[in-house]
Amino acid sequence: MTSIADNQIILILLSVFISSILALRLGKELY
């Protein structure tokens, strides 16, 4: 069970990281 939880945490961190990069790119394009 711990391994599954760790995988979920890693997936969440990756999703947040990718979303932040996309947001920065969109912000740069707007400005």
PDB file of N, CA and C in Angstrom:
ATOM      1  N   MET A   1       0.835  -1.204   0.000  1.00  0.00           N
ATOM      2  CA  MET A   1       0.000   0.000   0.000  1.00  0.00           C
ATOM      3  C   MET A   1       0.871   1.255   0.000  1.00  0.00           C
ATOM      4  N   THR A   2       1.978   1.212   0.733  1.00  0.00           N
ATOM      5  CA  THR A   2       2.835   2.398   0.796  1.00  0.00           C
ATOM      6  C   THR A   2       3.381   2.735  -0.589  1.00  0.00           C
ATOM      7  N   SER A   3       3.722   1.700  -1.356  1.00  0.00           N
ATOM      8  CA  SER A   3       4.272   1.943  -2.694  1.00  0.00           C
ATOM      9  C   SER A   3       3.236   2.652  -3.563  1.00  0.00           C
ATOM     10  N   ILE A   4       1.960   2.225  -3.433  1.00  0.00           N
ATOM     11  CA  ILE A   4       0.898   2.857  -4.227  1.00  0.00           C
ATOM     12  C   ILE A   4       0.762   4.328  -3.821  1.00  0.00           C
ATOM     13  N   ALA A   5       0.818   4.602  -2.528  1.00  0.00           N
ATOM     14  CA  ALA A   5       0.696   5.979  -2.054  1.00  0.00           C
ATOM     15  C   ALA A   5       1.855   6.813  -2.594  1.00  0.00           C
ATOM     16  N   ASP A   6       3.071   6.256  -2.549  1.00  0.00           N
ATOM     17  CA  ASP A   6       4.235   6.985  -3.062  1.00  0.00           C
ATOM     18  C   ASP A   6       4.049   7.279  -4.541  1.00  0.00           C
ATOM     19  N   ASN A   7       3.551   6.298  -5.301  1.00  0.00           N
ATOM     20  CA  ASN A   7       3.335   6.517  -6.734  1.00  0.00           C
ATOM     21  C   ASN A   7       2.322   7.631  -6.950  1.00  0.00           C
ATOM     22  N   GLN A   8       1.265   7.655  -6.148  1.00  0.00           N
ATOM     23  CA  GLN A   8       0.252   8.705  -6.286  1.00  0.00           C
ATOM     24  C   GLN A   8       0.861  10.067  -5.990  1.00  0.00           C
ATOM     25  N   ILE A   9       1.690  10.146  -4.944  1.00  0.00           N
ATOM     26  CA  ILE A   9       2.323  11.425  -4.587  1.00  0.00           C
ATOM     27  C   ILE A   9       3.232  11.885  -5.722  1.00  0.00           C
ATOM     28  N   ILE A  10       4.000  10.951  -6.300  1.00  0.00           N
ATOM     29  CA  ILE A  10       4.905  11.307  -7.398  1.00  0.00           C
ATOM     30  C   ILE A  10       4.097  11.808  -8.589  1.00  0.00           C
ATOM     31  N   LEU A  11       2.997  11.128  -8.911  1.00  0.00           N
ATOM     32  CA  LEU A  11       2.158  11.558 -10.043  1.00  0.00           C
ATOM     33  C   LEU A  11       1.594  12.948  -9.784  1.00  0.00           C
ATOM     34  N   ILE A  12       1.171  13.215  -8.563  1.00  0.00           N
ATOM     35  CA  ILE A  12       0.619  14.533  -8.227  1.00  0.00           C
ATOM     36  C   ILE A  12       1.692  15.604  -8.375  1.00  0.00           C
ATOM     37  N   LEU A  13       2.905  15.332  -7.868  1.00  0.00           N
ATOM     38  CA  LEU A  13       3.990  16.308  -7.978  1.00  0.00           C
ATOM     39  C   LEU A  13       4.313  16.577  -9.437  1.00  0.00           C
ATOM     40  N   LEU A  14       4.373  15.520 -10.253  1.00  0.00           N
ATOM     41  CA  LEU A  14       4.677  15.694 -11.678  1.00  0.00           C
ATOM     42  C   LEU A  14       3.585  16.520 -12.347  1.00  0.00           C
ATOM     43  N   SER A  15       2.333  16.253 -12.054  1.00  0.00           N
ATOM     44  CA  SER A  15       1.223  16.991 -12.668  1.00  0.00           C
ATOM     45  C   SER A  15       1.293  18.474 -12.283  1.00  0.00           C
ATOM     46  N   VAL A  16       1.581  18.758 -11.016  1.00  0.00           N
ATOM     47  CA  VAL A  16       1.690  20.151 -10.568  1.00  0.00           C
ATOM     48  C   VAL A  16       2.869  20.836 -11.246  1.00  0.00           C
ATOM     49  N   PHE A  17       3.999  20.126 -11.363  1.00  0.00           N
ATOM     50  CA  PHE A  17       5.188  20.696 -12.000  1.00  0.00           C
ATOM     51  C   PHE A  17       4.912  21.028 -13.459  1.00  0.00           C
ATOM     52  N   ILE A  18       4.287  20.096 -14.178  1.00  0.00           N
ATOM     53  CA  ILE A  18       3.976  20.327 -15.597  1.00  0.00           C
ATOM     54  C   ILE A  18       2.982  21.475 -15.739  1.00  0.00           C
ATOM     55  N   SER A  19       1.965  21.511 -14.897  1.00  0.00           N
ATOM     56  CA  SER A  19       0.962  22.581 -14.978  1.00  0.00           C
ATOM     57  C   SER A  19       1.605  23.939 -14.701  1.00  0.00           C
ATOM     58  N   SER A  20       2.553  23.996 -13.763  1.00  0.00           N
ATOM     59  CA  SER A  20       3.235  25.260 -13.461  1.00  0.00           C
ATOM     60  C   SER A  20       4.057  25.717 -14.660  1.00  0.00           C
ATOM     61  N   ILE A  21       4.739  24.777 -15.342  1.00  0.00           N
ATOM     62  CA  ILE A  21       5.541  25.131 -16.518  1.00  0.00           C
ATOM     63  C   ILE A  21       4.625  25.667 -17.619  1.00  0.00           C
ATOM     64  N   LEU A  22       3.498  24.996 -17.841  1.00  0.00           N
ATOM     65  CA  LEU A  22       2.553  25.459 -18.869  1.00  0.00           C
ATOM     66  C   LEU A  22       2.030  26.845 -18.501  1.00  0.00           C
ATOM     67  N   ALA A  23       1.740  27.078 -17.239  1.00  0.00           N
ATOM     68  CA  ALA A  23       1.237  28.381 -16.800  1.00  0.00           C
ATOM     69  C   ALA A  23       2.290  29.457 -17.044  1.00  0.00           C
ATOM     70  N   LEU A  24       3.565  29.158 -16.749  1.00  0.00           N
ATOM     71  CA  LEU A  24       4.633  30.130 -16.978  1.00  0.00           C
ATOM     72  C   LEU A  24       4.750  30.446 -18.463  1.00  0.00           C
ATOM     73  N   ARG A  25       4.656  29.421 -19.319  1.00  0.00           N
ATOM     74  CA  ARG A  25       4.747  29.646 -20.765  1.00  0.00           C
ATOM     75  C   ARG A  25       3.590  30.518 -21.230  1.00  0.00           C
ATOM     76  N   LEU A  26       2.384  30.243 -20.737  1.00  0.00           N
ATOM     77  CA  LEU A  26       1.220  31.044 -21.132  1.00  0.00           C
ATOM     78  C   LEU A  26       1.398  32.481 -20.643  1.00  0.00           C
ATOM     79  N   GLY A  27       1.899  32.654 -19.441  1.00  0.00           N
ATOM     80  CA  GLY A  27       2.119  33.997 -18.901  1.00  0.00           C
ATOM     81  C   GLY A  27       3.122  34.768 -19.740  1.00  0.00           C
ATOM     82  N   LYS A  28       4.213  34.109 -20.151  1.00  0.00           N
ATOM     83  CA  LYS A  28       5.220  34.776 -20.978  1.00  0.00           C
ATOM     84  C   LYS A  28       4.622  35.170 -22.318  1.00  0.00           C
ATOM     85  N   GLU A  29       3.772  34.296 -22.894  1.00  0.00           N
ATOM     86  CA  GLU A  29       3.154  34.607 -24.184  1.00  0.00           C
ATOM     87  C   GLU A  29       2.205  35.797 -24.044  1.00  0.00           C
ATOM     88  N   LEU A  30       1.450  35.844 -22.936  1.00  0.00           N
ATOM     89  CA  LEU A  30       0.521  36.956 -22.731  1.00  0.00           C
ATOM     90  C   LEU A  30       1.293  38.262 -22.577  1.00  0.00           C
ATOM     91  N   TYR A  31       2.374  38.217 -21.825  1.00  0.00           N
ATOM     92  CA  TYR A  31       3.174  39.425 -21.644  1.00  0.00           C
ATOM     93  C   TYR A  31       4.221  39.532 -22.738  1.00  0.00           C
TER      94      TYR A  31
END
